[in-house]
Amino acid sequence: MVEQSQSRREQIVVIGGGGHAKVVIAILRKTNAYDVIGYTDHKDHGAVLGIPFLGSDKDLNSRASEAKQLAAVLGVGQVGLGETRYKIWNALRSELPFLRFPRIVSPDAIVNEEVAIADGAVIFDGAIVNSGAQIGCGAIVNTHSTIEHDVILGDWVHVAPGATISGGASIGQFSMIGAGATVIEGINIASACMIGAGAVVVNDLKESGVYVGCPARRIK
């Protein structure tokens, strides 16, 4: 295969410069579709995998005159609910309307037929997304997690590494499914639920809150 030339790659900026951003940068490079021109953050972390610091998000205004659009990806992970990432994204869309947030899918993920992936979602290395699944805006499907057939992930959901969402389950917006957690088939989880690492969800969760254990129970 002839490598796509640098000039034909779309420029993209990563929002955030921490550990999550580092993994996102590595995925972007593997897609061979983007030229990662830098990252923004509230502080300078130095070069991240060789990618330079561009300044704060507002410093991207200086690039508005260079292109009518600039691709961006949120490199801000979370241990907690997705509302923080949503607020960052919403502010960026309001203040910097020239930014667009494409979906990013690692070439080392498996995404089968008839999967719908919304803008801003990122599918990480080793993830499996099976047919009929719907992945919401800004969702994170993290390393080696499994999204089975006909699952619905709401906007800004984060499925942490090694978690499994079984067929036909529905996860409400802003929720987080912790590392190694399991949601059995057909379960409905309300918005803004945090499922602890290793938890097993066997019943519908109808209220927002923090759930841990096997079976998962609400602790606050």
N, C-alpha and C. Protein backbone atom coordinates (compact mmCIF):
# COMPACT_ATOMS: atom_id res chain seq x y z
N MET A 1 0.84 -1.19 0.00
CA MET A 1 0.00 0.00 0.00
C MET A 1 0.87 1.24 0.00
N VAL A 2 0.56 2.20 -0.85
CA VAL A 2 1.32 3.44 -0.89
C VAL A 2 0.86 4.34 0.25
N GLU A 3 1.79 4.80 1.06
CA GLU A 3 1.44 5.65 2.20
C GLU A 3 0.84 6.96 1.70
N GLN A 4 -0.26 7.37 2.39
CA GLN A 4 -0.90 8.62 2.03
C GLN A 4 0.07 9.77 2.26
N SER A 5 0.20 10.66 1.30
CA SER A 5 1.18 11.75 1.41
C SER A 5 0.76 12.71 2.50
N GLN A 6 1.78 13.32 3.13
CA GLN A 6 1.55 14.29 4.20
C GLN A 6 0.64 15.41 3.73
N SER A 7 0.78 15.85 2.49
CA SER A 7 0.02 16.99 1.99
C SER A 7 -1.47 16.68 1.87
N ARG A 8 -1.82 15.38 1.74
CA ARG A 8 -3.21 15.01 1.57
C ARG A 8 -3.90 14.71 2.90
N ARG A 9 -3.15 14.65 3.96
CA ARG A 9 -3.75 14.39 5.27
C ARG A 9 -4.43 15.64 5.80
N GLU A 10 -5.55 15.42 6.49
CA GLU A 10 -6.25 16.54 7.09
C GLU A 10 -5.55 16.93 8.39
N GLN A 11 -5.39 18.23 8.60
CA GLN A 11 -4.80 18.69 9.85
C GLN A 11 -5.78 18.51 11.00
N ILE A 12 -5.25 18.09 12.14
CA ILE A 12 -6.10 17.90 13.32
C ILE A 12 -5.34 18.34 14.56
N VAL A 13 -6.07 18.87 15.53
CA VAL A 13 -5.49 19.29 16.80
C VAL A 13 -6.13 18.46 17.91
N VAL A 14 -5.34 18.11 18.91
CA VAL A 14 -5.82 17.33 20.04
C VAL A 14 -6.08 18.28 21.20
N ILE A 15 -7.28 18.19 21.78
CA ILE A 15 -7.65 19.02 22.92
C ILE A 15 -7.29 18.25 24.19
N GLY A 16 -6.27 18.72 24.88
CA GLY A 16 -5.77 18.04 26.07
C GLY A 16 -4.39 17.48 25.83
N GLY A 17 -3.60 17.40 26.92
CA GLY A 17 -2.22 16.96 26.77
C GLY A 17 -1.78 15.93 27.79
N GLY A 18 -2.73 15.25 28.42
CA GLY A 18 -2.41 14.25 29.42
C GLY A 18 -2.26 12.86 28.83
N GLY A 19 -2.41 11.85 29.70
CA GLY A 19 -2.21 10.47 29.28
C GLY A 19 -3.21 10.00 28.24
N HIS A 20 -4.48 10.39 28.40
CA HIS A 20 -5.49 10.00 27.43
C HIS A 20 -5.16 10.58 26.05
N ALA A 21 -4.73 11.84 26.05
CA ALA A 21 -4.35 12.49 24.79
C ALA A 21 -3.20 11.75 24.11
N LYS A 22 -2.29 11.24 24.90
CA LYS A 22 -1.15 10.51 24.34
C LYS A 22 -1.62 9.30 23.53
N VAL A 23 -2.60 8.57 24.08
CA VAL A 23 -3.11 7.39 23.39
C VAL A 23 -3.88 7.81 22.13
N VAL A 24 -4.64 8.90 22.23
CA VAL A 24 -5.38 9.40 21.07
C VAL A 24 -4.41 9.79 19.94
N ILE A 25 -3.32 10.44 20.29
CA ILE A 25 -2.32 10.82 19.29
C ILE A 25 -1.78 9.57 18.57
N ALA A 26 -1.47 8.55 19.35
CA ALA A 26 -0.95 7.32 18.75
C ALA A 26 -1.97 6.69 17.80
N ILE A 27 -3.24 6.73 18.16
CA ILE A 27 -4.29 6.20 17.28
C ILE A 27 -4.39 7.02 16.01
N LEU A 28 -4.36 8.34 16.14
CA LEU A 28 -4.44 9.21 14.97
C LEU A 28 -3.32 8.90 13.99
N ARG A 29 -2.13 8.68 14.50
CA ARG A 29 -1.01 8.36 13.61
C ARG A 29 -1.25 7.05 12.87
N LYS A 30 -1.81 6.08 13.56
CA LYS A 30 -2.05 4.79 12.92
C LYS A 30 -3.13 4.85 11.84
N THR A 31 -4.08 5.77 11.97
CA THR A 31 -5.11 5.87 10.93
C THR A 31 -4.52 6.36 9.62
N ASN A 32 -3.39 7.08 9.68
CA ASN A 32 -2.72 7.62 8.50
C ASN A 32 -3.60 8.60 7.72
N ALA A 33 -4.62 9.15 8.39
CA ALA A 33 -5.52 10.08 7.72
C ALA A 33 -5.33 11.51 8.17
N TYR A 34 -4.54 11.73 9.24
CA TYR A 34 -4.44 13.06 9.83
C TYR A 34 -2.98 13.47 10.04
N ASP A 35 -2.77 14.76 9.92
CA ASP A 35 -1.52 15.40 10.32
C ASP A 35 -1.77 16.08 11.66
N VAL A 36 -1.26 15.48 12.75
CA VAL A 36 -1.49 16.03 14.09
C VAL A 36 -0.56 17.22 14.28
N ILE A 37 -1.13 18.42 14.26
CA ILE A 37 -0.30 19.62 14.26
C ILE A 37 0.05 20.11 15.66
N GLY A 38 -0.64 19.58 16.67
CA GLY A 38 -0.33 20.01 18.03
C GLY A 38 -1.47 19.70 18.97
N TYR A 39 -1.25 20.08 20.24
CA TYR A 39 -2.30 19.91 21.24
C TYR A 39 -2.48 21.21 22.01
N THR A 40 -3.68 21.37 22.57
CA THR A 40 -3.95 22.51 23.44
C THR A 40 -4.19 22.01 24.86
N ASP A 41 -3.91 22.89 25.82
CA ASP A 41 -4.15 22.54 27.22
C ASP A 41 -4.04 23.82 28.04
N HIS A 42 -4.44 23.74 29.31
CA HIS A 42 -4.30 24.91 30.18
C HIS A 42 -2.86 25.06 30.67
N LYS A 43 -2.02 24.03 30.44
CA LYS A 43 -0.61 24.13 30.79
C LYS A 43 0.23 23.41 29.74
N ASP A 44 1.46 23.81 29.64
CA ASP A 44 2.39 23.24 28.66
C ASP A 44 3.04 21.99 29.27
N HIS A 45 2.76 20.82 28.67
CA HIS A 45 3.35 19.57 29.12
C HIS A 45 4.61 19.23 28.32
N GLY A 46 5.07 20.17 27.49
CA GLY A 46 6.15 19.86 26.58
C GLY A 46 5.62 19.04 25.42
N ALA A 47 6.50 18.57 24.59
CA ALA A 47 6.07 17.75 23.45
C ALA A 47 5.48 16.43 23.95
N VAL A 48 4.35 16.04 23.40
CA VAL A 48 3.69 14.78 23.75
C VAL A 48 3.81 13.86 22.53
N LEU A 49 4.61 12.82 22.66
CA LEU A 49 4.93 11.93 21.53
C LEU A 49 5.42 12.76 20.33
N GLY A 50 6.17 13.80 20.63
CA GLY A 50 6.71 14.65 19.58
C GLY A 50 5.75 15.70 19.06
N ILE A 51 4.54 15.76 19.60
CA ILE A 51 3.53 16.72 19.14
C ILE A 51 3.64 17.99 19.98
N PRO A 52 3.76 19.16 19.36
CA PRO A 52 4.02 20.39 20.11
C PRO A 52 2.79 20.95 20.81
N PHE A 53 3.05 21.72 21.84
CA PHE A 53 2.03 22.47 22.57
C PHE A 53 1.67 23.72 21.76
N LEU A 54 0.37 23.94 21.55
CA LEU A 54 -0.09 25.09 20.75
C LEU A 54 -0.59 26.25 21.60
N GLY A 55 -0.74 26.02 22.90
CA GLY A 55 -1.32 27.03 23.76
C GLY A 55 -2.68 26.58 24.27
N SER A 56 -3.45 27.53 24.76
CA SER A 56 -4.79 27.21 25.25
C SER A 56 -5.74 27.02 24.07
N ASP A 57 -6.95 26.55 24.37
CA ASP A 57 -7.95 26.36 23.32
C ASP A 57 -8.21 27.67 22.57
N LYS A 58 -8.22 28.78 23.29
CA LYS A 58 -8.52 30.07 22.65
C LYS A 58 -7.44 30.47 21.66
N ASP A 59 -6.22 29.96 21.84
CA ASP A 59 -5.15 30.28 20.89
C ASP A 59 -5.40 29.69 19.51
N LEU A 60 -6.37 28.77 19.41
CA LEU A 60 -6.71 28.22 18.10
C LEU A 60 -7.37 29.25 17.20
N ASN A 61 -7.84 30.34 17.77
CA ASN A 61 -8.43 31.42 16.96
C ASN A 61 -7.47 31.90 15.89
N SER A 62 -6.18 31.87 16.19
CA SER A 62 -5.19 32.35 15.23
C SER A 62 -5.15 31.50 13.98
N ARG A 63 -5.69 30.29 14.04
CA ARG A 63 -5.70 29.40 12.89
C ARG A 63 -6.98 29.52 12.07
N ALA A 64 -7.90 30.32 12.56
CA ALA A 64 -9.17 30.47 11.84
C ALA A 64 -8.97 31.09 10.47
N SER A 65 -7.98 31.96 10.36
CA SER A 65 -7.73 32.61 9.08
C SER A 65 -7.00 31.70 8.09
N GLU A 66 -6.44 30.59 8.59
CA GLU A 66 -5.68 29.70 7.73
C GLU A 66 -6.56 28.68 7.02
N ALA A 67 -7.70 28.35 7.62
CA ALA A 67 -8.59 27.35 7.03
C ALA A 67 -10.01 27.59 7.51
N LYS A 68 -10.97 27.28 6.64
CA LYS A 68 -12.36 27.45 7.03
C LYS A 68 -12.77 26.43 8.08
N GLN A 69 -12.09 25.30 8.12
CA GLN A 69 -12.35 24.28 9.12
C GLN A 69 -11.04 23.67 9.59
N LEU A 70 -11.05 23.22 10.84
CA LEU A 70 -9.91 22.50 11.38
C LEU A 70 -10.49 21.34 12.18
N ALA A 71 -9.98 20.14 11.94
CA ALA A 71 -10.44 18.99 12.69
C ALA A 71 -9.85 19.01 14.09
N ALA A 72 -10.62 18.51 15.03
CA ALA A 72 -10.17 18.43 16.42
C ALA A 72 -10.70 17.15 17.03
N VAL A 73 -10.00 16.67 18.06
CA VAL A 73 -10.44 15.50 18.81
C VAL A 73 -10.21 15.77 20.28
N LEU A 74 -11.18 15.40 21.12
CA LEU A 74 -11.00 15.55 22.55
C LEU A 74 -10.04 14.48 23.06
N GLY A 75 -8.94 14.93 23.63
CA GLY A 75 -7.99 14.02 24.25
C GLY A 75 -8.10 14.07 25.76
N VAL A 76 -9.29 14.44 26.23
CA VAL A 76 -9.56 14.54 27.67
C VAL A 76 -10.35 13.31 28.08
N GLY A 77 -9.74 12.44 28.87
CA GLY A 77 -10.45 11.28 29.39
C GLY A 77 -11.14 11.66 30.68
N GLN A 78 -11.65 10.66 31.39
CA GLN A 78 -12.25 10.97 32.67
C GLN A 78 -12.39 9.71 33.48
N VAL A 79 -12.30 9.87 34.79
CA VAL A 79 -12.78 8.86 35.72
C VAL A 79 -13.95 9.53 36.42
N GLY A 80 -15.11 9.30 35.92
CA GLY A 80 -16.30 9.99 36.38
C GLY A 80 -17.24 10.19 35.20
N LEU A 81 -18.18 11.09 35.37
CA LEU A 81 -19.21 11.29 34.36
C LEU A 81 -18.71 12.12 33.19
N GLY A 82 -19.38 11.99 32.05
CA GLY A 82 -18.94 12.64 30.82
C GLY A 82 -19.35 14.09 30.70
N GLU A 83 -19.99 14.66 31.72
CA GLU A 83 -20.44 16.04 31.61
C GLU A 83 -19.27 17.02 31.44
N THR A 84 -18.13 16.70 32.07
CA THR A 84 -16.96 17.57 31.95
C THR A 84 -16.50 17.66 30.49
N ARG A 85 -16.40 16.51 29.84
CA ARG A 85 -15.98 16.53 28.43
C ARG A 85 -17.02 17.23 27.55
N TYR A 86 -18.30 17.02 27.86
CA TYR A 86 -19.34 17.71 27.11
C TYR A 86 -19.21 19.22 27.24
N LYS A 87 -18.95 19.72 28.44
CA LYS A 87 -18.83 21.17 28.65
C LYS A 87 -17.65 21.74 27.87
N ILE A 88 -16.54 21.00 27.84
CA ILE A 88 -15.38 21.45 27.05
C ILE A 88 -15.76 21.52 25.57
N TRP A 89 -16.37 20.46 25.07
CA TRP A 89 -16.78 20.39 23.67
C TRP A 89 -17.77 21.49 23.32
N ASN A 90 -18.75 21.71 24.18
CA ASN A 90 -19.78 22.71 23.92
C ASN A 90 -19.18 24.11 23.88
N ALA A 91 -18.25 24.39 24.79
CA ALA A 91 -17.59 25.70 24.79
C ALA A 91 -16.76 25.89 23.53
N LEU A 92 -16.06 24.85 23.11
CA LEU A 92 -15.26 24.93 21.89
C LEU A 92 -16.14 25.18 20.67
N ARG A 93 -17.27 24.49 20.59
CA ARG A 93 -18.18 24.67 19.45
C ARG A 93 -18.74 26.08 19.41
N SER A 94 -18.94 26.66 20.58
CA SER A 94 -19.49 28.01 20.65
C SER A 94 -18.44 29.07 20.31
N GLU A 95 -17.24 28.91 20.87
CA GLU A 95 -16.20 29.93 20.73
C GLU A 95 -15.39 29.77 19.44
N LEU A 96 -15.28 28.54 18.95
CA LEU A 96 -14.44 28.26 17.79
C LEU A 96 -15.25 27.47 16.77
N PRO A 97 -16.20 28.13 16.10
CA PRO A 97 -17.12 27.41 15.20
C PRO A 97 -16.44 26.77 14.00
N PHE A 98 -15.18 27.11 13.72
CA PHE A 98 -14.49 26.50 12.59
C PHE A 98 -13.98 25.10 12.91
N LEU A 99 -14.05 24.69 14.18
CA LEU A 99 -13.61 23.35 14.53
C LEU A 99 -14.68 22.32 14.16
N ARG A 100 -14.24 21.17 13.67
CA ARG A 100 -15.15 20.04 13.50
C ARG A 100 -14.54 18.84 14.21
N PHE A 101 -15.39 17.95 14.69
CA PHE A 101 -14.95 16.82 15.50
C PHE A 101 -15.32 15.51 14.81
N PRO A 102 -14.43 14.99 13.98
CA PRO A 102 -14.74 13.73 13.28
C PRO A 102 -14.72 12.55 14.24
N ARG A 103 -15.37 11.49 13.86
CA ARG A 103 -15.23 10.25 14.61
C ARG A 103 -13.85 9.67 14.33
N ILE A 104 -13.24 9.07 15.33
CA ILE A 104 -11.91 8.49 15.19
C ILE A 104 -11.99 7.02 15.56
N VAL A 105 -11.58 6.16 14.63
CA VAL A 105 -11.63 4.72 14.87
C VAL A 105 -10.24 4.13 14.65
N SER A 106 -9.70 3.50 15.67
CA SER A 106 -8.39 2.86 15.52
C SER A 106 -8.46 1.76 14.47
N PRO A 107 -7.45 1.66 13.62
CA PRO A 107 -7.40 0.54 12.67
C PRO A 107 -7.21 -0.80 13.36
N ASP A 108 -6.86 -0.77 14.64
CA ASP A 108 -6.71 -2.01 15.40
C ASP A 108 -7.97 -2.35 16.20
N ALA A 109 -9.06 -1.64 15.96
CA ALA A 109 -10.37 -2.01 16.52
C ALA A 109 -11.13 -2.84 15.49
N ILE A 110 -12.13 -3.57 15.96
CA ILE A 110 -13.02 -4.31 15.07
C ILE A 110 -14.38 -3.64 15.14
N VAL A 111 -14.81 -3.08 14.03
CA VAL A 111 -16.13 -2.45 13.94
C VAL A 111 -16.88 -3.14 12.81
N ASN A 112 -17.91 -3.86 13.16
CA ASN A 112 -18.61 -4.67 12.17
C ASN A 112 -19.69 -3.88 11.43
N GLU A 113 -20.45 -4.58 10.59
CA GLU A 113 -21.41 -3.92 9.71
C GLU A 113 -22.55 -3.27 10.48
N GLU A 114 -23.10 -2.22 9.85
CA GLU A 114 -24.28 -1.52 10.36
C GLU A 114 -24.08 -1.00 11.78
N VAL A 115 -22.93 -0.39 11.99
CA VAL A 115 -22.64 0.31 13.25
C VAL A 115 -22.70 1.81 12.97
N ALA A 116 -23.42 2.55 13.81
CA ALA A 116 -23.52 4.00 13.67
C ALA A 116 -22.64 4.65 14.73
N ILE A 117 -21.71 5.49 14.27
CA ILE A 117 -20.78 6.17 15.18
C ILE A 117 -20.92 7.67 14.97
N ALA A 118 -21.28 8.40 16.01
CA ALA A 118 -21.52 9.83 15.91
C ALA A 118 -20.22 10.63 15.96
N ASP A 119 -20.31 11.90 15.59
CA ASP A 119 -19.15 12.79 15.61
C ASP A 119 -18.54 12.85 17.01
N GLY A 120 -17.22 12.96 17.03
CA GLY A 120 -16.50 13.15 18.28
C GLY A 120 -16.23 11.88 19.05
N ALA A 121 -16.81 10.76 18.63
CA ALA A 121 -16.56 9.49 19.32
C ALA A 121 -15.18 8.96 18.95
N VAL A 122 -14.56 8.25 19.88
CA VAL A 122 -13.24 7.65 19.63
C VAL A 122 -13.30 6.17 20.02
N ILE A 123 -12.91 5.31 19.07
CA ILE A 123 -12.86 3.86 19.29
C ILE A 123 -11.40 3.47 19.40
N PHE A 124 -11.00 2.90 20.53
CA PHE A 124 -9.59 2.65 20.84
C PHE A 124 -9.12 1.29 20.34
N ASP A 125 -7.81 1.06 20.48
CA ASP A 125 -7.19 -0.20 20.05
C ASP A 125 -7.85 -1.40 20.72
N GLY A 126 -8.11 -2.43 19.92
CA GLY A 126 -8.59 -3.68 20.46
C GLY A 126 -10.06 -3.71 20.83
N ALA A 127 -10.75 -2.58 20.69
CA ALA A 127 -12.18 -2.56 20.99
C ALA A 127 -12.94 -3.35 19.92
N ILE A 128 -14.07 -3.93 20.33
CA ILE A 128 -14.95 -4.64 19.41
C ILE A 128 -16.32 -3.99 19.48
N VAL A 129 -16.83 -3.58 18.32
CA VAL A 129 -18.17 -2.99 18.23
C VAL A 129 -18.95 -3.80 17.22
N ASN A 130 -19.97 -4.49 17.67
CA ASN A 130 -20.67 -5.43 16.80
C ASN A 130 -21.90 -4.82 16.13
N SER A 131 -22.40 -5.53 15.15
CA SER A 131 -23.43 -5.02 14.25
C SER A 131 -24.66 -4.52 14.99
N GLY A 132 -25.20 -3.41 14.49
CA GLY A 132 -26.39 -2.81 15.05
C GLY A 132 -26.15 -1.87 16.20
N ALA A 133 -24.91 -1.77 16.67
CA ALA A 133 -24.61 -0.88 17.78
C ALA A 133 -24.67 0.58 17.34
N GLN A 134 -25.03 1.45 18.29
CA GLN A 134 -25.06 2.89 18.05
C GLN A 134 -24.17 3.56 19.10
N ILE A 135 -23.19 4.32 18.64
CA ILE A 135 -22.21 4.98 19.51
C ILE A 135 -22.48 6.48 19.46
N GLY A 136 -22.79 7.07 20.60
CA GLY A 136 -23.21 8.47 20.65
C GLY A 136 -22.09 9.47 20.50
N CYS A 137 -22.47 10.72 20.37
CA CYS A 137 -21.54 11.84 20.21
C CYS A 137 -20.56 11.87 21.38
N GLY A 138 -19.28 11.99 21.05
CA GLY A 138 -18.26 12.15 22.07
C GLY A 138 -18.00 10.94 22.93
N ALA A 139 -18.58 9.80 22.59
CA ALA A 139 -18.39 8.60 23.41
C ALA A 139 -16.96 8.08 23.28
N ILE A 140 -16.51 7.41 24.33
CA ILE A 140 -15.20 6.75 24.34
C ILE A 140 -15.44 5.25 24.48
N VAL A 141 -14.94 4.49 23.51
CA VAL A 141 -14.96 3.03 23.60
C VAL A 141 -13.50 2.63 23.77
N ASN A 142 -13.11 2.42 25.01
CA ASN A 142 -11.69 2.34 25.35
C ASN A 142 -11.08 0.96 25.05
N THR A 143 -9.80 0.85 25.32
CA THR A 143 -8.98 -0.28 24.90
C THR A 143 -9.56 -1.62 25.32
N HIS A 144 -9.73 -2.52 24.34
CA HIS A 144 -10.17 -3.90 24.57
C HIS A 144 -11.53 -3.98 25.26
N SER A 145 -12.37 -2.97 25.10
CA SER A 145 -13.75 -3.09 25.56
C SER A 145 -14.59 -3.72 24.45
N THR A 146 -15.76 -4.24 24.84
CA THR A 146 -16.63 -4.92 23.89
C THR A 146 -18.02 -4.30 23.93
N ILE A 147 -18.50 -3.87 22.76
CA ILE A 147 -19.84 -3.34 22.60
C ILE A 147 -20.57 -4.34 21.70
N GLU A 148 -21.48 -5.09 22.27
CA GLU A 148 -22.11 -6.18 21.51
C GLU A 148 -23.23 -5.64 20.61
N HIS A 149 -23.85 -6.55 19.88
CA HIS A 149 -24.86 -6.19 18.88
C HIS A 149 -26.00 -5.38 19.49
N ASP A 150 -26.44 -4.37 18.75
CA ASP A 150 -27.63 -3.58 19.06
C ASP A 150 -27.55 -2.81 20.37
N VAL A 151 -26.36 -2.63 20.88
CA VAL A 151 -26.17 -1.77 22.06
C VAL A 151 -26.34 -0.31 21.66
N ILE A 152 -26.91 0.47 22.56
CA ILE A 152 -27.00 1.92 22.36
C ILE A 152 -26.17 2.60 23.45
N LEU A 153 -25.13 3.29 23.04
CA LEU A 153 -24.35 4.13 23.94
C LEU A 153 -24.79 5.57 23.74
N GLY A 154 -25.29 6.21 24.79
CA GLY A 154 -25.69 7.60 24.69
C GLY A 154 -24.51 8.53 24.49
N ASP A 155 -24.80 9.80 24.25
CA ASP A 155 -23.75 10.80 24.08
C ASP A 155 -22.89 10.90 25.34
N TRP A 156 -21.59 11.01 25.13
CA TRP A 156 -20.60 11.27 26.17
C TRP A 156 -20.47 10.13 27.18
N VAL A 157 -20.85 8.95 26.76
CA VAL A 157 -20.60 7.75 27.58
C VAL A 157 -19.13 7.35 27.44
N HIS A 158 -18.56 6.86 28.52
CA HIS A 158 -17.19 6.33 28.49
C HIS A 158 -17.24 4.88 28.93
N VAL A 159 -16.85 3.98 28.03
CA VAL A 159 -16.70 2.56 28.35
C VAL A 159 -15.22 2.31 28.55
N ALA A 160 -14.83 2.04 29.79
CA ALA A 160 -13.42 1.96 30.16
C ALA A 160 -12.78 0.66 29.67
N PRO A 161 -11.45 0.55 29.73
CA PRO A 161 -10.76 -0.63 29.22
C PRO A 161 -11.29 -1.93 29.79
N GLY A 162 -11.49 -2.89 28.89
CA GLY A 162 -11.88 -4.24 29.30
C GLY A 162 -13.32 -4.42 29.69
N ALA A 163 -14.14 -3.39 29.62
CA ALA A 163 -15.55 -3.51 29.98
C ALA A 163 -16.31 -4.20 28.85
N THR A 164 -17.43 -4.84 29.20
CA THR A 164 -18.27 -5.54 28.23
C THR A 164 -19.71 -5.09 28.38
N ILE A 165 -20.28 -4.62 27.27
CA ILE A 165 -21.69 -4.26 27.21
C ILE A 165 -22.36 -5.31 26.33
N SER A 166 -23.23 -6.13 26.92
CA SER A 166 -23.82 -7.24 26.18
C SER A 166 -24.97 -6.77 25.30
N GLY A 167 -25.40 -7.67 24.41
CA GLY A 167 -26.32 -7.32 23.34
C GLY A 167 -27.61 -6.65 23.81
N GLY A 168 -28.01 -5.61 23.09
CA GLY A 168 -29.27 -4.94 23.31
C GLY A 168 -29.33 -4.03 24.51
N ALA A 169 -28.23 -3.87 25.23
CA ALA A 169 -28.22 -2.96 26.38
C ALA A 169 -28.22 -1.51 25.93
N SER A 170 -28.67 -0.63 26.80
CA SER A 170 -28.73 0.81 26.51
C SER A 170 -28.12 1.57 27.66
N ILE A 171 -27.16 2.43 27.35
CA ILE A 171 -26.42 3.19 28.37
C ILE A 171 -26.75 4.67 28.20
N GLY A 172 -27.30 5.30 29.24
CA GLY A 172 -27.71 6.69 29.16
C GLY A 172 -26.54 7.65 29.08
N GLN A 173 -26.81 8.84 28.54
CA GLN A 173 -25.76 9.84 28.31
C GLN A 173 -25.00 10.17 29.60
N PHE A 174 -23.73 10.50 29.42
CA PHE A 174 -22.79 10.91 30.46
C PHE A 174 -22.33 9.76 31.36
N SER A 175 -22.90 8.57 31.22
CA SER A 175 -22.54 7.48 32.12
C SER A 175 -21.13 6.96 31.84
N MET A 176 -20.56 6.32 32.86
CA MET A 176 -19.26 5.68 32.70
C MET A 176 -19.37 4.24 33.16
N ILE A 177 -18.86 3.34 32.33
CA ILE A 177 -18.80 1.92 32.66
C ILE A 177 -17.34 1.62 32.99
N GLY A 178 -17.05 1.30 34.24
CA GLY A 178 -15.69 1.19 34.72
C GLY A 178 -14.91 0.02 34.14
N ALA A 179 -13.61 0.05 34.34
CA ALA A 179 -12.71 -0.97 33.79
C ALA A 179 -13.14 -2.36 34.22
N GLY A 180 -13.28 -3.25 33.24
CA GLY A 180 -13.60 -4.64 33.52
C GLY A 180 -15.04 -4.90 33.96
N ALA A 181 -15.89 -3.88 33.95
CA ALA A 181 -17.29 -4.07 34.34
C ALA A 181 -18.05 -4.80 33.24
N THR A 182 -19.18 -5.41 33.61
CA THR A 182 -20.01 -6.14 32.67
C THR A 182 -21.46 -5.68 32.82
N VAL A 183 -22.08 -5.40 31.69
CA VAL A 183 -23.52 -5.11 31.65
C VAL A 183 -24.16 -6.24 30.87
N ILE A 184 -25.07 -6.98 31.50
CA ILE A 184 -25.64 -8.13 30.80
C ILE A 184 -26.65 -7.69 29.75
N GLU A 185 -27.08 -8.63 28.93
CA GLU A 185 -27.89 -8.30 27.76
C GLU A 185 -29.22 -7.66 28.16
N GLY A 186 -29.62 -6.68 27.34
CA GLY A 186 -30.93 -6.07 27.46
C GLY A 186 -31.11 -5.09 28.59
N ILE A 187 -30.06 -4.82 29.34
CA ILE A 187 -30.16 -3.92 30.49
C ILE A 187 -30.23 -2.46 30.04
N ASN A 188 -31.02 -1.67 30.76
CA ASN A 188 -31.10 -0.23 30.53
C ASN A 188 -30.47 0.50 31.71
N ILE A 189 -29.53 1.37 31.42
CA ILE A 189 -28.86 2.15 32.46
C ILE A 189 -29.21 3.63 32.25
N ALA A 190 -29.64 4.29 33.32
CA ALA A 190 -30.06 5.69 33.25
C ALA A 190 -28.88 6.60 32.93
N SER A 191 -29.19 7.85 32.62
CA SER A 191 -28.15 8.85 32.39
C SER A 191 -27.36 9.09 33.68
N ALA A 192 -26.11 9.51 33.50
CA ALA A 192 -25.26 9.94 34.61
C ALA A 192 -25.09 8.87 35.68
N CYS A 193 -24.89 7.64 35.26
CA CYS A 193 -24.56 6.56 36.18
C CYS A 193 -23.07 6.25 36.07
N MET A 194 -22.44 6.02 37.20
CA MET A 194 -21.05 5.60 37.22
C MET A 194 -21.00 4.18 37.74
N ILE A 195 -20.54 3.26 36.89
CA ILE A 195 -20.47 1.85 37.23
C ILE A 195 -19.02 1.54 37.59
N GLY A 196 -18.80 1.07 38.81
CA GLY A 196 -17.45 0.85 39.30
C GLY A 196 -16.71 -0.25 38.57
N ALA A 197 -15.39 -0.22 38.67
CA ALA A 197 -14.56 -1.24 38.03
C ALA A 197 -14.95 -2.62 38.51
N GLY A 198 -15.11 -3.54 37.56
CA GLY A 198 -15.41 -4.93 37.89
C GLY A 198 -16.85 -5.22 38.28
N ALA A 199 -17.70 -4.19 38.30
CA ALA A 199 -19.10 -4.40 38.68
C ALA A 199 -19.83 -5.22 37.61
N VAL A 200 -20.91 -5.87 38.01
CA VAL A 200 -21.74 -6.65 37.08
C VAL A 200 -23.17 -6.14 37.22
N VAL A 201 -23.69 -5.57 36.14
CA VAL A 201 -25.03 -4.99 36.15
C VAL A 201 -26.01 -6.02 35.61
N VAL A 202 -26.92 -6.48 36.47
CA VAL A 202 -27.85 -7.54 36.08
C VAL A 202 -29.31 -7.07 36.10
N ASN A 203 -29.53 -5.86 36.58
CA ASN A 203 -30.87 -5.28 36.60
C ASN A 203 -30.82 -3.87 36.03
N ASP A 204 -31.96 -3.41 35.49
CA ASP A 204 -32.03 -2.03 35.01
C ASP A 204 -31.66 -1.07 36.14
N LEU A 205 -30.90 -0.03 35.80
CA LEU A 205 -30.56 1.04 36.75
C LEU A 205 -31.35 2.27 36.35
N LYS A 206 -32.35 2.61 37.16
CA LYS A 206 -33.31 3.64 36.77
C LYS A 206 -32.98 5.02 37.33
N GLU A 207 -32.01 5.09 38.24
CA GLU A 207 -31.63 6.37 38.84
C GLU A 207 -30.15 6.65 38.62
N SER A 208 -29.81 7.93 38.43
CA SER A 208 -28.41 8.32 38.36
C SER A 208 -27.74 8.00 39.69
N GLY A 209 -26.45 7.71 39.64
CA GLY A 209 -25.74 7.42 40.87
C GLY A 209 -24.51 6.59 40.62
N VAL A 210 -23.88 6.16 41.71
CA VAL A 210 -22.67 5.33 41.66
C VAL A 210 -23.05 3.91 42.06
N TYR A 211 -22.68 2.94 41.21
CA TYR A 211 -23.04 1.55 41.43
C TYR A 211 -21.78 0.70 41.45
N VAL A 212 -21.70 -0.20 42.43
CA VAL A 212 -20.53 -1.08 42.53
C VAL A 212 -20.99 -2.49 42.87
N GLY A 213 -20.11 -3.46 42.67
CA GLY A 213 -20.33 -4.81 43.15
C GLY A 213 -20.97 -5.74 42.15
N CYS A 214 -21.21 -6.96 42.63
CA CYS A 214 -21.82 -8.02 41.80
C CYS A 214 -22.87 -8.74 42.66
N PRO A 215 -24.13 -8.49 42.38
CA PRO A 215 -24.66 -7.58 41.36
C PRO A 215 -24.46 -6.12 41.76
N ALA A 216 -24.43 -5.24 40.77
CA ALA A 216 -24.18 -3.83 41.04
C ALA A 216 -25.30 -3.25 41.90
N ARG A 217 -24.91 -2.47 42.92
CA ARG A 217 -25.87 -1.81 43.79
C ARG A 217 -25.48 -0.35 43.95
N ARG A 218 -26.45 0.48 44.18
CA ARG A 218 -26.22 1.92 44.29
C ARG A 218 -25.68 2.26 45.68
N ILE A 219 -24.58 3.01 45.70
CA ILE A 219 -24.01 3.40 46.99
C ILE A 219 -24.15 4.89 47.25
N LYS A 220 -24.45 5.67 46.19
CA LYS A 220 -24.73 7.10 46.42
C LYS A 220 -25.29 7.71 45.16
